[in-house]
Amino acid sequence: MKTMRKNNLKELAVCQNKLVHFLNENALLKYMLSEIVDENQEKNFLPLAEYFQNELLLKDEKLKSLSKQINELKMDGFDHEEEIYEMKVQNMQKEVLHFQKEYENFSRDFKSKVYKNSAS
């Protein structure tokens, strides 16, 4: 039983590491966006930049929320029966995987649209 609990904690650590990666990437994209906006003040580009700025802020909030949920799971993992805890960890893994796929699509979209419009 304790082995299963340790494995769950390891899986949560993997999830947490993924979130740290996306927090870092989000910070990098915000920096890139600010640099591009500084260089490109065209009226047609600013709405796109504002859209992506808002999306980046929403991604930050989602990342903080997921991180908080993982920390709570780590803390109260010993208050649940093994099967319930296992199910909660699996649900968290699915949520992080869903976020990862969503974020990867967003990042590709950001890079293609922002760079394309910054070159114009």
Protein backbone atom coordinates (compact mmCIF):
# COMPACT_ATOMS: atom_id res chain seq x y z
CA MET A 1 0.00 0.00 0.00
CA LYS A 2 2.75 2.44 0.86
CA THR A 3 4.37 1.75 -2.52
CA MET A 4 1.19 2.83 -4.29
CA ARG A 5 1.12 6.04 -2.23
CA LYS A 6 4.77 6.74 -3.12
CA ASN A 7 4.02 6.15 -6.80
CA ASN A 8 1.11 8.58 -6.59
CA LEU A 9 3.34 11.20 -5.03
CA LYS A 10 5.90 10.64 -7.79
CA GLU A 11 3.20 11.08 -10.41
CA LEU A 12 2.12 14.32 -8.76
CA ALA A 13 5.73 15.50 -8.82
CA VAL A 14 5.86 14.78 -12.56
CA CYS A 15 2.67 16.81 -13.01
CA GLN A 16 4.13 19.64 -10.93
CA ASN A 17 7.30 19.65 -13.05
CA LYS A 18 5.23 19.93 -16.22
CA LEU A 19 3.42 22.91 -14.77
CA VAL A 20 6.72 24.59 -13.90
CA HIS A 21 7.79 24.08 -17.50
CA PHE A 22 4.61 25.74 -18.77
CA LEU A 23 4.92 28.60 -16.28
CA ASN A 24 8.41 29.25 -17.62
CA GLU A 25 7.26 29.03 -21.22
CA ASN A 26 4.35 31.35 -20.47
CA ALA A 27 6.75 33.90 -18.99
CA LEU A 28 8.93 33.62 -22.09
CA LEU A 29 5.96 34.13 -24.42
CA LYS A 30 4.88 37.21 -22.44
CA TYR A 31 8.40 38.60 -22.75
CA MET A 32 8.50 37.86 -26.47
CA LEU A 33 5.13 39.53 -26.94
CA SER A 34 6.24 42.66 -25.11
CA GLU A 35 9.39 42.86 -27.23
CA ILE A 36 7.41 42.50 -30.44
CA VAL A 37 4.82 45.07 -29.33
CA ASP A 38 7.62 47.52 -28.55
CA GLU A 39 8.88 47.12 -32.12
CA ASN A 40 5.48 46.99 -33.86
CA GLN A 41 2.95 49.67 -33.00
CA GLU A 42 0.77 49.14 -36.08
CA LYS A 43 -2.95 49.44 -35.44
CA ASN A 44 -3.76 46.09 -37.02
CA PHE A 45 -1.27 44.26 -34.77
CA LEU A 46 -2.35 45.67 -31.41
CA PRO A 47 -5.69 43.78 -31.15
CA LEU A 48 -3.86 40.52 -31.84
CA ALA A 49 -1.25 41.37 -29.22
CA GLU A 50 -3.98 42.22 -26.72
CA TYR A 51 -5.76 38.94 -27.42
CA PHE A 52 -2.60 36.93 -26.78
CA GLN A 53 -1.74 38.98 -23.68
CA ASN A 54 -5.16 38.12 -22.22
CA GLU A 55 -4.74 34.46 -23.13
CA LEU A 56 -1.33 34.36 -21.47
CA LEU A 57 -2.81 35.81 -18.29
CA LEU A 58 -5.57 33.18 -18.36
CA LYS A 59 -2.95 30.47 -18.80
CA ASP A 60 -1.09 31.83 -15.76
CA GLU A 61 -4.26 31.60 -13.68
CA LYS A 62 -4.97 28.04 -14.84
CA LEU A 63 -1.40 27.00 -14.07
CA LYS A 64 -1.61 28.48 -10.57
CA SER A 65 -4.91 26.71 -9.99
CA LEU A 66 -3.56 23.34 -11.13
CA SER A 67 -0.45 23.79 -9.01
CA LYS A 68 -2.55 24.59 -5.97
CA GLN A 69 -4.69 21.49 -6.58
CA ILE A 70 -1.59 19.32 -6.82
CA ASN A 71 -0.22 20.73 -3.57
CA GLU A 72 -3.54 20.08 -1.87
CA LEU A 73 -3.53 16.51 -3.18
CA LYS A 74 -0.03 16.01 -1.81
CA MET A 75 -1.05 17.33 1.58
CA ASP A 76 -4.33 15.50 2.03
CA GLY A 77 -3.34 12.28 0.31
CA PHE A 78 -3.06 10.48 3.60
CA ASP A 79 -6.61 11.44 4.58
CA HIS A 80 -8.15 9.26 1.86
CA GLU A 81 -8.42 5.58 1.18
CA GLU A 82 -5.91 4.30 -1.34
CA GLU A 83 -8.41 3.79 -4.18
CA ILE A 84 -9.95 7.24 -3.77
CA TYR A 85 -6.54 8.87 -3.68
CA GLU A 86 -5.44 6.89 -6.76
CA MET A 87 -8.54 8.11 -8.62
CA LYS A 88 -7.86 11.73 -7.63
CA VAL A 89 -4.25 11.48 -8.81
CA GLN A 90 -5.36 9.96 -12.12
CA ASN A 91 -7.89 12.76 -12.60
CA MET A 92 -5.17 15.32 -11.93
CA GLN A 93 -2.89 13.62 -14.45
CA LYS A 94 -5.68 13.81 -17.04
CA GLU A 95 -6.24 17.48 -16.27
CA VAL A 96 -2.55 18.28 -16.64
CA LEU A 97 -2.36 16.29 -19.88
CA HIS A 98 -5.39 18.16 -21.23
CA PHE A 99 -3.77 21.47 -20.28
CA GLN A 100 -0.52 20.37 -21.92
CA LYS A 101 -2.24 19.60 -25.23
CA GLU A 102 -4.19 22.84 -25.07
CA TYR A 103 -1.07 24.83 -24.24
CA GLU A 104 0.99 23.28 -27.03
CA ASN A 105 -1.70 24.28 -29.55
CA PHE A 106 -1.85 27.75 -28.07
CA SER A 107 1.93 28.14 -28.20
CA ARG A 108 2.05 27.10 -31.87
CA ASP A 109 -0.79 29.50 -32.65
CA PHE A 110 0.96 32.30 -30.76
CA LYS A 111 4.26 31.79 -32.53
CA SER A 112 2.78 31.53 -36.00
CA LYS A 113 0.38 34.48 -35.70
CA VAL A 114 2.51 36.86 -33.67
CA TYR A 115 5.67 36.30 -35.71
CA LYS A 116 3.77 36.41 -38.97
CA ASN A 117 2.16 39.73 -38.05
CA SER A 118 5.33 41.18 -36.56
CA ALA A 119 7.15 40.64 -39.85
CA SER A 120 4.49 42.58 -41.77
